[in-house]
Amino acid sequence: MARELVAALLALPAAGCSWLLDFSDHAIPHDASIDAPYTQAECDYKEPNDSLATAVAITPADTGPAAICAGSVEDHDFYRFTVPAGTAKVEVQIAAAFSTTGDLDLRLWARTGSVKLAESRGFGDTETIACPSSASMCPALPAGDYAFEVFPATASAINRYTFSLVLTPM
């Protein structure tokens, strides 16, 4: 039966019908979704910010979206912020769709002396560091400059993310 069907299909006239599909760029519908896990604009967000020394200043109004992107060197993003006097709590959070392209993690750094204050290395879509908090083993932060780092949990992890910085006054 299958052999007869193939023979019948091959016997069809060639005019007006093609078995070839067009996968060229001009055939892609304008509303097609992006195949990459991030856009170039997300990769370029606040770059260069690939080290603690080049951390880019942000405020609570900044949220991204940004991305940890593939490249010849493993991508890390660093953002610096100032904790004003009279701040009771600092919370940093990143959100990424871990299940699709890669797990991202979060570290909090003191700007002077490059001391790691806290780290969040979970397996979910969000990572959160709150200071003070017993969960992240982070004490209350005195007024000063700090930085947080977004980095891949494994060497091949890439992903887009958004972030939030909340500074709660006393």
C-alpha atoms as a PDB file:
ATOM      1  CA  MET A   1       0.000   0.000   0.000  1.00  0.00           C
ATOM      2  CA  ALA A   2       2.754   2.465   0.941  1.00  0.00           C
ATOM      3  CA  ARG A   3       4.645   1.673  -2.251  1.00  0.00           C
ATOM      4  CA  GLU A   4       1.533   2.383  -4.312  1.00  0.00           C
ATOM      5  CA  LEU A   5       1.011   5.737  -2.546  1.00  0.00           C
ATOM      6  CA  VAL A   6       4.596   6.838  -3.192  1.00  0.00           C
ATOM      7  CA  ALA A   7       4.286   5.812  -6.850  1.00  0.00           C
ATOM      8  CA  ALA A   8       1.019   7.771  -7.165  1.00  0.00           C
ATOM      9  CA  LEU A   9       2.594  10.877  -5.611  1.00  0.00           C
ATOM     10  CA  LEU A  10       5.600  10.678  -7.912  1.00  0.00           C
ATOM     11  CA  ALA A  11       3.295  10.370 -10.915  1.00  0.00           C
ATOM     12  CA  LEU A  12       1.575  13.705 -10.150  1.00  0.00           C
ATOM     13  CA  PRO A  13       2.309  16.447 -12.662  1.00  0.00           C
ATOM     14  CA  ALA A  14       5.203  18.692 -11.577  1.00  0.00           C
ATOM     15  CA  ALA A  15       3.579  21.956 -12.678  1.00  0.00           C
ATOM     16  CA  GLY A  16       1.840  23.995  -9.970  1.00  0.00           C
ATOM     17  CA  CYS A  17       3.060  21.946  -7.034  1.00  0.00           C
ATOM     18  CA  SER A  18       6.397  21.750  -5.294  1.00  0.00           C
ATOM     19  CA  TRP A  19       7.674  19.455  -2.602  1.00  0.00           C
ATOM     20  CA  LEU A  20      10.367  21.997  -1.708  1.00  0.00           C
ATOM     21  CA  LEU A  21       9.794  24.240   1.261  1.00  0.00           C
ATOM     22  CA  ASP A  22      11.213  27.749   1.464  1.00  0.00           C
ATOM     23  CA  PHE A  23      13.075  28.310   4.755  1.00  0.00           C
ATOM     24  CA  SER A  24      14.911  31.434   3.609  1.00  0.00           C
ATOM     25  CA  ASP A  25      14.819  34.641   5.690  1.00  0.00           C
ATOM     26  CA  HIS A  26      12.392  36.360   3.325  1.00  0.00           C
ATOM     27  CA  ALA A  27       9.858  33.557   3.855  1.00  0.00           C
ATOM     28  CA  ILE A  28       9.705  34.045   7.642  1.00  0.00           C
ATOM     29  CA  PRO A  29       6.485  35.727   8.766  1.00  0.00           C
ATOM     30  CA  HIS A  30       7.003  39.141  10.354  1.00  0.00           C
ATOM     31  CA  ASP A  31       5.360  37.972  13.570  1.00  0.00           C
ATOM     32  CA  ALA A  32       7.542  34.859  13.950  1.00  0.00           C
ATOM     33  CA  SER A  33       9.121  34.458  17.372  1.00  0.00           C
ATOM     34  CA  ILE A  34      12.851  34.821  17.853  1.00  0.00           C
ATOM     35  CA  ASP A  35      14.774  31.532  17.890  1.00  0.00           C
ATOM     36  CA  ALA A  36      17.549  32.865  20.151  1.00  0.00           C
ATOM     37  CA  PRO A  37      17.028  32.902  23.919  1.00  0.00           C
ATOM     38  CA  TYR A  38      17.815  36.648  23.937  1.00  0.00           C
ATOM     39  CA  THR A  39      18.082  39.669  21.645  1.00  0.00           C
ATOM     40  CA  GLN A  40      21.215  41.634  20.821  1.00  0.00           C
ATOM     41  CA  ALA A  41      19.792  44.587  22.753  1.00  0.00           C
ATOM     42  CA  GLU A  42      19.488  42.373  25.847  1.00  0.00           C
ATOM     43  CA  CYS A  43      23.115  41.224  25.408  1.00  0.00           C
ATOM     44  CA  ASP A  44      24.237  44.853  25.075  1.00  0.00           C
ATOM     45  CA  TYR A  45      22.271  46.148  28.098  1.00  0.00           C
ATOM     46  CA  LYS A  46      24.577  48.424  30.144  1.00  0.00           C
ATOM     47  CA  GLU A  47      27.717  46.833  28.629  1.00  0.00           C
ATOM     48  CA  PRO A  48      30.580  46.760  29.303  1.00  0.00           C
ATOM     49  CA  ASN A  49      29.841  45.386  32.772  1.00  0.00           C
ATOM     50  CA  ASP A  50      31.771  42.126  32.785  1.00  0.00           C
ATOM     51  CA  SER A  51      33.756  42.550  36.012  1.00  0.00           C
ATOM     52  CA  LEU A  52      33.488  44.087  39.447  1.00  0.00           C
ATOM     53  CA  ALA A  53      35.799  46.882  38.256  1.00  0.00           C
ATOM     54  CA  THR A  54      33.462  47.723  35.340  1.00  0.00           C
ATOM     55  CA  ALA A  55      30.165  47.308  37.245  1.00  0.00           C
ATOM     56  CA  VAL A  56      27.600  49.757  35.880  1.00  0.00           C
ATOM     57  CA  ALA A  57      25.664  52.045  38.227  1.00  0.00           C
ATOM     58  CA  ILE A  58      21.939  51.328  38.550  1.00  0.00           C
ATOM     59  CA  THR A  59      19.036  52.613  40.601  1.00  0.00           C
ATOM     60  CA  PRO A  60      15.863  50.841  41.739  1.00  0.00           C
ATOM     61  CA  ALA A  61      14.231  52.170  38.534  1.00  0.00           C
ATOM     62  CA  ASP A  62      16.504  49.989  36.349  1.00  0.00           C
ATOM     63  CA  THR A  63      15.175  46.494  35.616  1.00  0.00           C
ATOM     64  CA  GLY A  64      16.614  45.302  32.280  1.00  0.00           C
ATOM     65  CA  PRO A  65      15.848  43.187  30.367  1.00  0.00           C
ATOM     66  CA  ALA A  66      19.411  41.961  30.016  1.00  0.00           C
ATOM     67  CA  ALA A  67      21.039  38.648  29.100  1.00  0.00           C
ATOM     68  CA  ILE A  68      23.916  36.337  29.833  1.00  0.00           C
ATOM     69  CA  CYS A  69      25.053  35.620  26.277  1.00  0.00           C
ATOM     70  CA  ALA A  70      27.154  33.053  24.473  1.00  0.00           C
ATOM     71  CA  GLY A  71      30.648  34.125  23.499  1.00  0.00           C
ATOM     72  CA  SER A  72      34.299  33.211  23.514  1.00  0.00           C
ATOM     73  CA  VAL A  73      34.496  34.206  27.202  1.00  0.00           C
ATOM     74  CA  GLU A  74      31.861  33.249  29.767  1.00  0.00           C
ATOM     75  CA  ASP A  75      29.545  36.244  30.269  1.00  0.00           C
ATOM     76  CA  HIS A  76      28.969  37.754  33.725  1.00  0.00           C
ATOM     77  CA  ASP A  77      27.056  40.992  34.351  1.00  0.00           C
ATOM     78  CA  PHE A  78      27.899  43.318  37.261  1.00  0.00           C
ATOM     79  CA  TYR A  79      25.741  46.198  38.511  1.00  0.00           C
ATOM     80  CA  ARG A  80      26.688  48.623  41.295  1.00  0.00           C
ATOM     81  CA  PHE A  81      24.355  50.541  43.564  1.00  0.00           C
ATOM     82  CA  THR A  82      24.499  52.750  46.644  1.00  0.00           C
ATOM     83  CA  VAL A  83      22.753  51.946  49.899  1.00  0.00           C
ATOM     84  CA  PRO A  84      21.792  55.273  51.511  1.00  0.00           C
ATOM     85  CA  ALA A  85      21.951  55.882  55.270  1.00  0.00           C
ATOM     86  CA  GLY A  86      18.741  54.816  56.993  1.00  0.00           C
ATOM     87  CA  THR A  87      18.126  51.739  54.808  1.00  0.00           C
ATOM     88  CA  ALA A  88      16.558  48.868  56.765  1.00  0.00           C
ATOM     89  CA  LYS A  89      16.631  46.198  54.056  1.00  0.00           C
ATOM     90  CA  VAL A  90      18.198  45.612  50.634  1.00  0.00           C
ATOM     91  CA  GLU A  91      16.749  43.052  48.237  1.00  0.00           C
ATOM     92  CA  VAL A  92      18.184  42.074  44.863  1.00  0.00           C
ATOM     93  CA  GLN A  93      16.323  39.660  42.595  1.00  0.00           C
ATOM     94  CA  ILE A  94      16.790  38.267  39.099  1.00  0.00           C
ATOM     95  CA  ALA A  95      14.098  36.481  37.113  1.00  0.00           C
ATOM     96  CA  ALA A  96      14.796  34.238  34.110  1.00  0.00           C
ATOM     97  CA  ALA A  97      12.980  31.366  32.419  1.00  0.00           C
ATOM     98  CA  PHE A  98      15.401  28.693  33.672  1.00  0.00           C
ATOM     99  CA  SER A  99      13.526  25.794  32.091  1.00  0.00           C
ATOM    100  CA  THR A 100      14.143  27.015  28.548  1.00  0.00           C
ATOM    101  CA  THR A 101      17.762  28.065  28.167  1.00  0.00           C
ATOM    102  CA  GLY A 102      19.822  28.026  31.315  1.00  0.00           C
ATOM    103  CA  ASP A 103      20.032  28.571  35.036  1.00  0.00           C
ATOM    104  CA  LEU A 104      21.408  31.930  36.163  1.00  0.00           C
ATOM    105  CA  ASP A 105      22.685  32.687  39.655  1.00  0.00           C
ATOM    106  CA  LEU A 106      23.287  35.802  41.749  1.00  0.00           C
ATOM    107  CA  ARG A 107      26.066  37.136  44.025  1.00  0.00           C
ATOM    108  CA  LEU A 108      26.230  40.262  46.195  1.00  0.00           C
ATOM    109  CA  TRP A 109      29.595  42.001  46.624  1.00  0.00           C
ATOM    110  CA  ALA A 110      30.990  44.764  48.830  1.00  0.00           C
ATOM    111  CA  ARG A 111      32.557  47.285  46.436  1.00  0.00           C
ATOM    112  CA  THR A 112      35.616  47.860  48.624  1.00  0.00           C
ATOM    113  CA  GLY A 113      37.867  44.852  48.954  1.00  0.00           C
ATOM    114  CA  SER A 114      35.766  42.630  46.658  1.00  0.00           C
ATOM    115  CA  VAL A 115      34.224  40.734  49.581  1.00  0.00           C
ATOM    116  CA  LYS A 116      31.404  38.344  48.653  1.00  0.00           C
ATOM    117  CA  LEU A 117      28.515  39.055  51.026  1.00  0.00           C
ATOM    118  CA  ALA A 118      25.878  36.582  49.825  1.00  0.00           C
ATOM    119  CA  GLU A 119      25.005  34.202  47.015  1.00  0.00           C
ATOM    120  CA  SER A 120      21.834  32.660  45.591  1.00  0.00           C
ATOM    121  CA  ARG A 121      22.348  29.471  43.569  1.00  0.00           C
ATOM    122  CA  GLY A 122      18.904  27.882  43.318  1.00  0.00           C
ATOM    123  CA  PHE A 123      17.353  25.927  40.462  1.00  0.00           C
ATOM    124  CA  GLY A 124      14.209  27.993  39.924  1.00  0.00           C
ATOM    125  CA  ASP A 125      13.308  30.927  37.694  1.00  0.00           C
ATOM    126  CA  THR A 126      14.227  33.521  40.336  1.00  0.00           C
ATOM    127  CA  GLU A 127      17.207  34.150  42.569  1.00  0.00           C
ATOM    128  CA  THR A 128      16.883  36.508  45.530  1.00  0.00           C
ATOM    129  CA  ILE A 129      19.300  37.966  48.062  1.00  0.00           C
ATOM    130  CA  ALA A 130      17.848  39.942  50.973  1.00  0.00           C
ATOM    131  CA  CYS A 131      19.952  41.719  53.597  1.00  0.00           C
ATOM    132  CA  PRO A 132      19.374  41.330  56.454  1.00  0.00           C
ATOM    133  CA  SER A 133      18.212  37.742  56.101  1.00  0.00           C
ATOM    134  CA  SER A 134      19.062  34.480  57.772  1.00  0.00           C
ATOM    135  CA  ALA A 135      18.125  32.603  54.578  1.00  0.00           C
ATOM    136  CA  SER A 136      20.936  34.178  52.545  1.00  0.00           C
ATOM    137  CA  MET A 137      23.192  34.644  55.613  1.00  0.00           C
ATOM    138  CA  CYS A 138      23.441  38.340  54.787  1.00  0.00           C
ATOM    139  CA  PRO A 139      23.678  40.957  57.552  1.00  0.00           C
ATOM    140  CA  ALA A 140      22.131  44.428  57.407  1.00  0.00           C
ATOM    141  CA  LEU A 141      24.114  46.537  54.950  1.00  0.00           C
ATOM    142  CA  PRO A 142      25.565  49.822  56.183  1.00  0.00           C
ATOM    143  CA  ALA A 143      25.426  52.867  53.907  1.00  0.00           C
ATOM    144  CA  GLY A 144      27.884  52.489  51.045  1.00  0.00           C
ATOM    145  CA  ASP A 145      28.500  51.063  47.603  1.00  0.00           C
ATOM    146  CA  TYR A 146      27.748  47.463  46.650  1.00  0.00           C
ATOM    147  CA  ALA A 147      27.498  45.384  43.491  1.00  0.00           C
ATOM    148  CA  PHE A 148      25.602  42.332  42.369  1.00  0.00           C
ATOM    149  CA  GLU A 149      26.685  39.807  39.773  1.00  0.00           C
ATOM    150  CA  VAL A 150      24.491  37.755  37.451  1.00  0.00           C
ATOM    151  CA  PHE A 151      26.309  34.674  36.185  1.00  0.00           C
ATOM    152  CA  PRO A 152      25.650  31.298  34.531  1.00  0.00           C
ATOM    153  CA  ALA A 153      25.170  28.367  36.929  1.00  0.00           C
ATOM    154  CA  THR A 154      27.006  26.125  34.443  1.00  0.00           C
ATOM    155  CA  ALA A 155      29.501  27.023  31.735  1.00  0.00           C
ATOM    156  CA  SER A 156      26.983  26.610  28.912  1.00  0.00           C
ATOM    157  CA  ALA A 157      24.038  28.434  30.536  1.00  0.00           C
ATOM    158  CA  ILE A 158      22.746  31.459  28.636  1.00  0.00           C
ATOM    159  CA  ASN A 159      19.503  33.304  29.264  1.00  0.00           C
ATOM    160  CA  ARG A 160      17.657  36.606  29.306  1.00  0.00           C
ATOM    161  CA  TYR A 161      16.689  38.052  32.660  1.00  0.00           C
ATOM    162  CA  THR A 162      15.189  41.020  34.436  1.00  0.00           C
ATOM    163  CA  PHE A 163      16.288  42.293  37.811  1.00  0.00           C
ATOM    164  CA  SER A 164      15.016  44.364  40.684  1.00  0.00           C
ATOM    165  CA  LEU A 165      16.706  46.337  43.453  1.00  0.00           C
ATOM    166  CA  VAL A 166      14.579  47.290  46.452  1.00  0.00           C
ATOM    167  CA  LEU A 167      15.965  49.608  49.140  1.00  0.00           C
ATOM    168  CA  THR A 168      13.560  49.676  52.085  1.00  0.00           C
ATOM    169  CA  PRO A 169      13.953  52.685  54.401  1.00  0.00           C
ATOM    170  CA  MET A 170      13.830  52.366  58.208  1.00  0.00           C
END
